[in-house]
Amino acid sequence: MMGDSTSQPLENRKIEDSAPRPLWNRNARLAIAVGGLISGVLDLLQVCILAGWDTPLYIAGGLLGPKAFQGGTGTYVLGILLHFFVTFSMTATYYAASRRLGFLKEHPLVCGLSFGAAAELVMILIVLPLSALHERGPYELHTLIQWLLVHMVVVGLPISYSVRRFAK
């Protein structure tokens, strides 16, 4: 047939179904905003309750070093902003991966729990040692398990379910 796309050279065929969608459409921004905000609030609240309300100073210390602990309100706010930068970045990473790996949206419980654990391991093993505080442990086993479990729930699940809900 003349109109059949299979008779046309490959370079002249229209590819409609497999054309990539824009990565950062309205649904993407909404998924990242909701996931980043919810996971950021829950994570910051849990760590402040468990470790103390000066935690944002430690977060700022990752960028500024030990002098962050002498900082005032500005340093505290910087720590909060850095924390949310990380949670929004994690959500954007999950969203971008879900564009290619459909199972991330299809199985948000398992994938969210796994992503939360992986995010915590990246923080403990890569980010903290490379930070200006050079935090390397040693950590007690029960503390590591607690951090993993908490981050699986308060970081991984809000991110995975927001991507499933809002990313079409």
N, C-alpha and C. Protein backbone atom coordinates (compact mmCIF):
# COMPACT_ATOMS: atom_id res chain seq x y z
N MET A 1 0.85 -1.19 0.00
CA MET A 1 0.00 0.00 0.00
C MET A 1 0.88 1.24 0.00
N MET A 2 0.39 2.27 -0.67
CA MET A 2 1.17 3.50 -0.76
C MET A 2 1.21 4.24 0.58
N GLY A 3 0.12 4.28 1.33
CA GLY A 3 0.09 5.03 2.58
C GLY A 3 0.62 4.27 3.77
N ASP A 4 0.99 3.03 3.60
CA ASP A 4 1.49 2.20 4.69
C ASP A 4 2.87 2.68 5.11
N SER A 5 3.03 2.99 6.39
CA SER A 5 4.31 3.51 6.87
C SER A 5 5.43 2.47 6.77
N THR A 6 5.08 1.20 6.69
CA THR A 6 6.13 0.19 6.61
C THR A 6 6.79 0.15 5.24
N SER A 7 6.13 0.74 4.20
CA SER A 7 6.74 0.78 2.87
C SER A 7 7.66 1.97 2.70
N GLN A 8 7.65 2.90 3.66
CA GLN A 8 8.50 4.09 3.58
C GLN A 8 9.87 3.78 4.19
N PRO A 9 10.89 4.47 3.71
CA PRO A 9 12.21 4.31 4.34
C PRO A 9 12.11 4.65 5.83
N LEU A 10 12.94 4.00 6.63
CA LEU A 10 12.90 4.16 8.09
C LEU A 10 13.02 5.61 8.51
N GLU A 11 13.88 6.37 7.86
CA GLU A 11 14.09 7.76 8.28
C GLU A 11 12.90 8.66 7.97
N ASN A 12 11.97 8.23 7.09
CA ASN A 12 10.80 9.04 6.74
C ASN A 12 9.56 8.68 7.55
N ARG A 13 9.61 7.62 8.31
CA ARG A 13 8.45 7.20 9.09
C ARG A 13 8.22 8.13 10.27
N LYS A 14 6.96 8.34 10.57
CA LYS A 14 6.61 9.12 11.76
C LYS A 14 6.58 8.17 12.95
N ILE A 15 7.18 8.60 14.00
CA ILE A 15 7.17 7.79 15.22
C ILE A 15 6.34 8.56 16.23
N GLU A 16 5.10 8.14 16.36
CA GLU A 16 4.19 8.87 17.23
C GLU A 16 4.14 8.30 18.64
N ASP A 17 4.00 6.98 18.73
CA ASP A 17 3.83 6.38 20.05
C ASP A 17 5.11 6.34 20.85
N SER A 18 6.25 6.23 20.19
CA SER A 18 7.49 6.10 20.94
C SER A 18 8.23 7.41 21.09
N ALA A 19 7.63 8.51 20.64
CA ALA A 19 8.28 9.81 20.79
C ALA A 19 8.35 10.17 22.27
N PRO A 20 9.48 10.65 22.71
CA PRO A 20 9.60 10.98 24.12
C PRO A 20 8.72 12.17 24.49
N ARG A 21 8.12 12.06 25.62
CA ARG A 21 7.30 13.16 26.13
C ARG A 21 8.23 14.17 26.79
N PRO A 22 7.77 15.42 26.91
CA PRO A 22 8.59 16.40 27.63
C PRO A 22 8.83 15.92 29.06
N LEU A 23 10.06 16.03 29.51
CA LEU A 23 10.42 15.49 30.83
C LEU A 23 9.82 16.31 31.97
N TRP A 24 9.73 17.61 31.83
CA TRP A 24 9.33 18.45 32.95
C TRP A 24 8.00 19.15 32.67
N ASN A 25 6.97 18.39 32.35
CA ASN A 25 5.65 18.96 32.14
C ASN A 25 5.00 19.30 33.48
N ARG A 26 3.76 19.77 33.42
CA ARG A 26 3.05 20.16 34.64
C ARG A 26 2.94 19.01 35.64
N ASN A 27 2.64 17.80 35.16
CA ASN A 27 2.53 16.65 36.05
C ASN A 27 3.86 16.33 36.72
N ALA A 28 4.95 16.48 35.99
CA ALA A 28 6.27 16.23 36.55
C ALA A 28 6.56 17.22 37.67
N ARG A 29 6.29 18.48 37.42
CA ARG A 29 6.54 19.50 38.45
C ARG A 29 5.69 19.25 39.68
N LEU A 30 4.45 18.84 39.47
CA LEU A 30 3.56 18.55 40.60
C LEU A 30 4.05 17.34 41.38
N ALA A 31 4.43 16.28 40.68
CA ALA A 31 4.93 15.07 41.36
C ALA A 31 6.19 15.40 42.16
N ILE A 32 7.09 16.17 41.59
CA ILE A 32 8.34 16.52 42.28
C ILE A 32 8.06 17.45 43.45
N ALA A 33 7.17 18.41 43.25
CA ALA A 33 6.85 19.34 44.34
C ALA A 33 6.21 18.62 45.52
N VAL A 34 5.22 17.79 45.25
CA VAL A 34 4.52 17.08 46.33
C VAL A 34 5.44 16.08 47.00
N GLY A 35 6.12 15.25 46.23
CA GLY A 35 7.02 14.26 46.81
C GLY A 35 8.16 14.87 47.59
N GLY A 36 8.77 15.92 47.03
CA GLY A 36 9.87 16.59 47.71
C GLY A 36 9.44 17.28 48.99
N LEU A 37 8.27 17.92 48.93
CA LEU A 37 7.77 18.64 50.11
C LEU A 37 7.38 17.67 51.23
N ILE A 38 6.61 16.64 50.89
CA ILE A 38 6.16 15.70 51.94
C ILE A 38 7.35 14.95 52.53
N SER A 39 8.22 14.41 51.67
CA SER A 39 9.37 13.67 52.21
C SER A 39 10.30 14.60 52.99
N GLY A 40 10.45 15.83 52.52
CA GLY A 40 11.31 16.78 53.23
C GLY A 40 10.78 17.14 54.61
N VAL A 41 9.49 17.40 54.69
CA VAL A 41 8.89 17.76 55.98
C VAL A 41 8.95 16.57 56.95
N LEU A 42 8.54 15.40 56.48
CA LEU A 42 8.55 14.22 57.36
C LEU A 42 9.96 13.88 57.83
N ASP A 43 10.92 13.93 56.91
CA ASP A 43 12.30 13.59 57.26
C ASP A 43 12.89 14.61 58.22
N LEU A 44 12.66 15.89 57.97
CA LEU A 44 13.21 16.92 58.85
C LEU A 44 12.57 16.84 60.24
N LEU A 45 11.27 16.60 60.28
CA LEU A 45 10.61 16.47 61.59
C LEU A 45 11.13 15.27 62.37
N GLN A 46 11.25 14.11 61.70
CA GLN A 46 11.69 12.93 62.42
C GLN A 46 13.13 13.08 62.91
N VAL A 47 14.00 13.67 62.10
CA VAL A 47 15.39 13.79 62.53
C VAL A 47 15.52 14.84 63.64
N CYS A 48 14.72 15.90 63.58
CA CYS A 48 14.77 16.90 64.65
C CYS A 48 14.22 16.33 65.96
N ILE A 49 13.19 15.52 65.87
CA ILE A 49 12.63 14.90 67.08
C ILE A 49 13.62 13.91 67.67
N LEU A 50 14.25 13.09 66.81
CA LEU A 50 15.16 12.05 67.31
C LEU A 50 16.55 12.58 67.67
N ALA A 51 17.06 13.56 66.92
CA ALA A 51 18.44 13.99 67.11
C ALA A 51 18.57 15.39 67.67
N GLY A 52 17.52 16.15 67.67
CA GLY A 52 17.59 17.51 68.21
C GLY A 52 17.26 18.57 67.18
N TRP A 53 16.78 19.69 67.67
CA TRP A 53 16.31 20.76 66.79
C TRP A 53 17.45 21.57 66.19
N ASP A 54 18.69 21.25 66.54
CA ASP A 54 19.82 21.91 65.91
C ASP A 54 20.29 21.18 64.65
N THR A 55 19.55 20.17 64.22
CA THR A 55 19.90 19.39 63.05
C THR A 55 20.14 20.24 61.79
N PRO A 56 19.34 21.28 61.52
CA PRO A 56 19.64 22.11 60.35
C PRO A 56 21.05 22.71 60.37
N LEU A 57 21.61 22.94 61.55
CA LEU A 57 22.99 23.42 61.62
C LEU A 57 23.96 22.35 61.14
N TYR A 58 23.69 21.09 61.47
CA TYR A 58 24.51 19.99 60.97
C TYR A 58 24.41 19.87 59.45
N ILE A 59 23.20 20.08 58.94
CA ILE A 59 23.01 20.01 57.50
C ILE A 59 23.80 21.13 56.82
N ALA A 60 23.72 22.33 57.36
CA ALA A 60 24.51 23.45 56.82
C ALA A 60 26.00 23.18 56.98
N GLY A 61 26.37 22.44 58.04
CA GLY A 61 27.76 22.08 58.26
C GLY A 61 28.33 21.22 57.14
N GLY A 62 27.46 20.51 56.46
CA GLY A 62 27.91 19.72 55.32
C GLY A 62 28.48 20.59 54.22
N LEU A 63 28.02 21.83 54.14
CA LEU A 63 28.52 22.77 53.15
C LEU A 63 29.56 23.73 53.74
N LEU A 64 29.32 24.19 54.97
CA LEU A 64 30.16 25.22 55.58
C LEU A 64 31.26 24.69 56.48
N GLY A 65 31.14 23.45 56.90
CA GLY A 65 32.10 22.89 57.84
C GLY A 65 31.72 23.21 59.28
N PRO A 66 32.66 22.98 60.21
CA PRO A 66 32.37 23.17 61.63
C PRO A 66 31.93 24.58 62.02
N LYS A 67 32.29 25.59 61.23
CA LYS A 67 31.89 26.96 61.59
C LYS A 67 30.37 27.15 61.53
N ALA A 68 29.65 26.21 60.91
CA ALA A 68 28.19 26.30 60.85
C ALA A 68 27.57 26.25 62.24
N PHE A 69 28.25 25.61 63.19
CA PHE A 69 27.69 25.47 64.53
C PHE A 69 27.73 26.78 65.32
N GLN A 70 28.50 27.75 64.84
CA GLN A 70 28.49 29.07 65.45
C GLN A 70 27.55 30.01 64.71
N GLY A 71 26.95 29.51 63.66
CA GLY A 71 26.05 30.34 62.85
C GLY A 71 24.74 30.60 63.56
N GLY A 72 24.04 31.57 63.08
CA GLY A 72 22.76 31.94 63.67
C GLY A 72 21.60 31.50 62.82
N THR A 73 20.61 32.36 62.77
CA THR A 73 19.38 32.07 62.06
C THR A 73 19.63 31.81 60.58
N GLY A 74 20.51 32.58 59.97
CA GLY A 74 20.81 32.41 58.56
C GLY A 74 21.36 31.03 58.25
N THR A 75 22.24 30.54 59.11
CA THR A 75 22.81 29.21 58.93
C THR A 75 21.75 28.14 59.14
N TYR A 76 20.87 28.36 60.10
CA TYR A 76 19.77 27.42 60.36
C TYR A 76 18.86 27.32 59.13
N VAL A 77 18.51 28.47 58.57
CA VAL A 77 17.66 28.49 57.38
C VAL A 77 18.38 27.85 56.19
N LEU A 78 19.68 28.10 56.07
CA LEU A 78 20.46 27.46 55.01
C LEU A 78 20.38 25.94 55.13
N GLY A 79 20.47 25.42 56.33
CA GLY A 79 20.36 23.98 56.55
C GLY A 79 19.01 23.44 56.11
N ILE A 80 17.96 24.17 56.41
CA ILE A 80 16.62 23.75 55.99
C ILE A 80 16.51 23.78 54.47
N LEU A 81 17.00 24.84 53.85
CA LEU A 81 16.95 24.94 52.39
C LEU A 81 17.76 23.83 51.72
N LEU A 82 18.93 23.54 52.26
CA LEU A 82 19.75 22.45 51.72
C LEU A 82 19.04 21.10 51.85
N HIS A 83 18.38 20.90 52.98
CA HIS A 83 17.64 19.67 53.19
C HIS A 83 16.56 19.50 52.12
N PHE A 84 15.80 20.56 51.87
CA PHE A 84 14.75 20.47 50.86
C PHE A 84 15.33 20.37 49.45
N PHE A 85 16.48 20.98 49.21
CA PHE A 85 17.16 20.80 47.92
C PHE A 85 17.44 19.32 47.68
N VAL A 86 17.88 18.63 48.71
CA VAL A 86 18.18 17.20 48.59
C VAL A 86 16.91 16.40 48.35
N THR A 87 15.84 16.67 49.09
CA THR A 87 14.62 15.88 48.90
C THR A 87 13.97 16.14 47.54
N PHE A 88 14.01 17.38 47.07
CA PHE A 88 13.48 17.66 45.74
C PHE A 88 14.37 17.01 44.67
N SER A 89 15.66 16.98 44.89
CA SER A 89 16.57 16.33 43.95
C SER A 89 16.33 14.82 43.90
N MET A 90 16.10 14.22 45.07
CA MET A 90 15.81 12.79 45.10
C MET A 90 14.50 12.49 44.37
N THR A 91 13.51 13.34 44.57
CA THR A 91 12.23 13.14 43.89
C THR A 91 12.37 13.30 42.38
N ALA A 92 13.14 14.29 41.96
CA ALA A 92 13.37 14.49 40.52
C ALA A 92 14.11 13.29 39.93
N THR A 93 15.04 12.74 40.68
CA THR A 93 15.77 11.55 40.22
C THR A 93 14.82 10.38 40.05
N TYR A 94 13.96 10.15 41.04
CA TYR A 94 13.00 9.05 40.96
C TYR A 94 12.04 9.28 39.79
N TYR A 95 11.58 10.51 39.63
CA TYR A 95 10.67 10.81 38.53
C TYR A 95 11.35 10.52 37.19
N ALA A 96 12.56 11.01 37.00
CA ALA A 96 13.28 10.80 35.74
C ALA A 96 13.49 9.31 35.47
N ALA A 97 13.83 8.56 36.50
CA ALA A 97 14.01 7.11 36.33
C ALA A 97 12.69 6.44 35.99
N SER A 98 11.59 6.93 36.53
CA SER A 98 10.29 6.31 36.27
C SER A 98 9.83 6.51 34.83
N ARG A 99 10.40 7.45 34.13
CA ARG A 99 10.06 7.67 32.73
C ARG A 99 10.54 6.49 31.88
N ARG A 100 11.66 5.91 32.26
CA ARG A 100 12.23 4.78 31.51
C ARG A 100 11.90 3.43 32.14
N LEU A 101 11.74 3.42 33.44
CA LEU A 101 11.50 2.18 34.18
C LEU A 101 10.07 2.21 34.72
N GLY A 102 9.13 1.74 33.94
CA GLY A 102 7.72 1.82 34.29
C GLY A 102 7.36 1.14 35.59
N PHE A 103 8.13 0.12 35.97
CA PHE A 103 7.80 -0.59 37.20
C PHE A 103 7.92 0.30 38.43
N LEU A 104 8.66 1.43 38.34
CA LEU A 104 8.76 2.35 39.48
C LEU A 104 7.41 2.98 39.80
N LYS A 105 6.58 3.19 38.78
CA LYS A 105 5.23 3.71 39.00
C LYS A 105 4.24 2.60 39.28
N GLU A 106 4.47 1.43 38.73
CA GLU A 106 3.53 0.32 38.88
C GLU A 106 3.60 -0.33 40.27
N HIS A 107 4.74 -0.27 40.91
CA HIS A 107 4.95 -0.91 42.22
C HIS A 107 5.53 0.09 43.21
N PRO A 108 4.74 1.11 43.60
CA PRO A 108 5.30 2.17 44.45
C PRO A 108 5.69 1.72 45.85
N LEU A 109 5.05 0.69 46.38
CA LEU A 109 5.39 0.24 47.73
C LEU A 109 6.80 -0.33 47.77
N VAL A 110 7.04 -1.34 46.97
CA VAL A 110 8.35 -2.00 46.95
C VAL A 110 9.44 -1.05 46.45
N CYS A 111 9.13 -0.34 45.36
CA CYS A 111 10.14 0.56 44.78
C CYS A 111 10.41 1.75 45.69
N GLY A 112 9.38 2.26 46.35
CA GLY A 112 9.58 3.37 47.28
C GLY A 112 10.42 2.98 48.48
N LEU A 113 10.12 1.81 49.05
CA LEU A 113 10.92 1.34 50.18
C LEU A 113 12.38 1.12 49.77
N SER A 114 12.57 0.54 48.60
CA SER A 114 13.93 0.32 48.10
C SER A 114 14.64 1.63 47.81
N PHE A 115 13.93 2.58 47.22
CA PHE A 115 14.53 3.87 46.92
C PHE A 115 14.91 4.62 48.20
N GLY A 116 14.05 4.55 49.22
CA GLY A 116 14.36 5.20 50.49
C GLY A 116 15.61 4.62 51.13
N ALA A 117 15.75 3.30 51.07
CA ALA A 117 16.96 2.65 51.61
C ALA A 117 18.18 3.05 50.79
N ALA A 118 18.04 3.05 49.47
CA ALA A 118 19.18 3.42 48.62
C ALA A 118 19.58 4.88 48.84
N ALA A 119 18.61 5.75 49.00
CA ALA A 119 18.91 7.17 49.24
C ALA A 119 19.67 7.33 50.55
N GLU A 120 19.27 6.60 51.58
CA GLU A 120 19.96 6.69 52.87
C GLU A 120 21.39 6.15 52.75
N LEU A 121 21.57 5.06 52.03
CA LEU A 121 22.91 4.50 51.85
C LEU A 121 23.81 5.47 51.09
N VAL A 122 23.28 6.14 50.09
CA VAL A 122 24.06 7.15 49.36
C VAL A 122 24.46 8.29 50.31
N MET A 123 23.54 8.69 51.16
CA MET A 123 23.87 9.76 52.12
C MET A 123 24.96 9.32 53.08
N ILE A 124 24.84 8.13 53.64
CA ILE A 124 25.79 7.64 54.63
C ILE A 124 27.16 7.34 54.02
N LEU A 125 27.16 6.71 52.86
CA LEU A 125 28.41 6.21 52.28
C LEU A 125 29.11 7.18 51.34
N ILE A 126 28.37 8.14 50.77
CA ILE A 126 28.98 9.04 49.80
C ILE A 126 28.89 10.50 50.23
N VAL A 127 27.67 10.98 50.48
CA VAL A 127 27.48 12.41 50.74
C VAL A 127 28.14 12.84 52.05
N LEU A 128 27.87 12.16 53.14
CA LEU A 128 28.44 12.57 54.42
C LEU A 128 29.98 12.51 54.45
N PRO A 129 30.60 11.45 53.94
CA PRO A 129 32.07 11.47 53.93
C PRO A 129 32.66 12.57 53.05
N LEU A 130 31.98 12.96 51.98
CA LEU A 130 32.48 14.01 51.10
C LEU A 130 32.10 15.41 51.55
N SER A 131 31.26 15.51 52.57
CA SER A 131 30.81 16.82 53.05
C SER A 131 31.96 17.53 53.77
N ALA A 132 31.74 18.79 54.07
CA ALA A 132 32.76 19.58 54.78
C ALA A 132 32.97 19.09 56.21
N LEU A 133 32.05 18.30 56.74
CA LEU A 133 32.22 17.73 58.08
C LEU A 133 32.94 16.38 58.05
N HIS A 134 33.04 15.78 56.88
CA HIS A 134 33.73 14.49 56.69
C HIS A 134 33.23 13.42 57.65
N GLU A 135 31.91 13.33 57.78
CA GLU A 135 31.28 12.37 58.69
C GLU A 135 31.42 10.95 58.14
N ARG A 136 32.11 10.09 58.89
CA ARG A 136 32.35 8.72 58.42
C ARG A 136 31.95 7.64 59.42
N GLY A 137 31.40 7.99 60.52
CA GLY A 137 31.08 6.95 61.48
C GLY A 137 32.22 6.77 62.46
N PRO A 138 32.36 5.66 63.10
CA PRO A 138 31.59 4.42 62.96
C PRO A 138 30.18 4.59 63.54
N TYR A 139 29.26 3.92 62.92
CA TYR A 139 27.87 3.97 63.33
C TYR A 139 27.51 2.64 63.99
N GLU A 140 26.64 2.72 64.97
CA GLU A 140 26.17 1.50 65.62
C GLU A 140 25.13 0.83 64.72
N LEU A 141 25.09 -0.50 64.74
CA LEU A 141 24.22 -1.26 63.86
C LEU A 141 22.75 -0.88 64.04
N HIS A 142 22.30 -0.74 65.30
CA HIS A 142 20.89 -0.41 65.51
C HIS A 142 20.56 0.98 64.97
N THR A 143 21.53 1.90 65.00
CA THR A 143 21.32 3.24 64.45
C THR A 143 21.20 3.17 62.94
N LEU A 144 22.06 2.41 62.28
CA LEU A 144 21.99 2.26 60.83
C LEU A 144 20.67 1.63 60.40
N ILE A 145 20.23 0.62 61.12
CA ILE A 145 18.97 -0.04 60.79
C ILE A 145 17.80 0.93 60.98
N GLN A 146 17.84 1.68 62.07
CA GLN A 146 16.79 2.67 62.32
C GLN A 146 16.75 3.71 61.20
N TRP A 147 17.91 4.25 60.81
CA TRP A 147 17.97 5.24 59.73
C TRP A 147 17.42 4.67 58.43
N LEU A 148 17.81 3.44 58.11
CA LEU A 148 17.33 2.81 56.88
C LEU A 148 15.80 2.66 56.90
N LEU A 149 15.28 2.11 57.98
CA LEU A 149 13.84 1.89 58.08
C LEU A 149 13.05 3.19 58.03
N VAL A 150 13.53 4.19 58.75
CA VAL A 150 12.84 5.48 58.77
C VAL A 150 12.84 6.10 57.38
N HIS A 151 13.98 6.07 56.70
CA HIS A 151 14.06 6.69 55.38
C HIS A 151 13.30 5.90 54.31
N MET A 152 13.18 4.62 54.52
CA MET A 152 12.36 3.83 53.60
C MET A 152 10.91 4.33 53.64
N VAL A 153 10.44 4.66 54.85
CA VAL A 153 9.04 5.06 55.02
C VAL A 153 8.83 6.56 54.76
N VAL A 154 9.63 7.43 55.40
CA VAL A 154 9.34 8.86 55.32
C VAL A 154 9.93 9.54 54.09
N VAL A 155 10.87 8.91 53.41
CA VAL A 155 11.43 9.49 52.19
C VAL A 155 10.97 8.69 50.96
N GLY A 156 11.21 7.40 50.96
CA GLY A 156 10.93 6.59 49.79
C GLY A 156 9.46 6.52 49.42
N LEU A 157 8.61 6.28 50.39
CA LEU A 157 7.18 6.12 50.08
C LEU A 157 6.51 7.41 49.60
N PRO A 158 6.73 8.55 50.25
CA PRO A 158 6.10 9.77 49.70
C PRO A 158 6.58 10.09 48.29
N ILE A 159 7.83 9.82 48.01
CA ILE A 159 8.35 10.09 46.67
C ILE A 159 7.70 9.15 45.66
N SER A 160 7.70 7.86 45.94
CA SER A 160 7.17 6.90 44.96
C SER A 160 5.67 7.08 44.74
N TYR A 161 4.93 7.34 45.81
CA TYR A 161 3.48 7.50 45.63
C TYR A 161 3.12 8.83 44.98
N SER A 162 3.90 9.88 45.20
CA SER A 162 3.62 11.14 44.51
C SER A 162 3.90 11.01 43.02
N VAL A 163 4.98 10.29 42.68
CA VAL A 163 5.26 10.08 41.26
C VAL A 163 4.16 9.23 40.63
N ARG A 164 3.72 8.21 41.32
CA ARG A 164 2.64 7.37 40.78
C ARG A 164 1.36 8.18 40.60
N ARG A 165 1.05 9.01 41.58
CA ARG A 165 -0.21 9.76 41.57
C ARG A 165 -0.22 10.86 40.52
N PHE A 166 0.86 11.62 40.41
CA PHE A 166 0.83 12.83 39.60
C PHE A 166 1.51 12.70 38.25
N ALA A 167 2.41 11.77 38.08
CA ALA A 167 3.15 11.65 36.82
C ALA A 167 2.38 10.73 35.88
N LYS A 168 1.80 11.29 34.88
CA LYS A 168 1.00 10.51 33.93
C LYS A 168 1.85 10.12 32.75
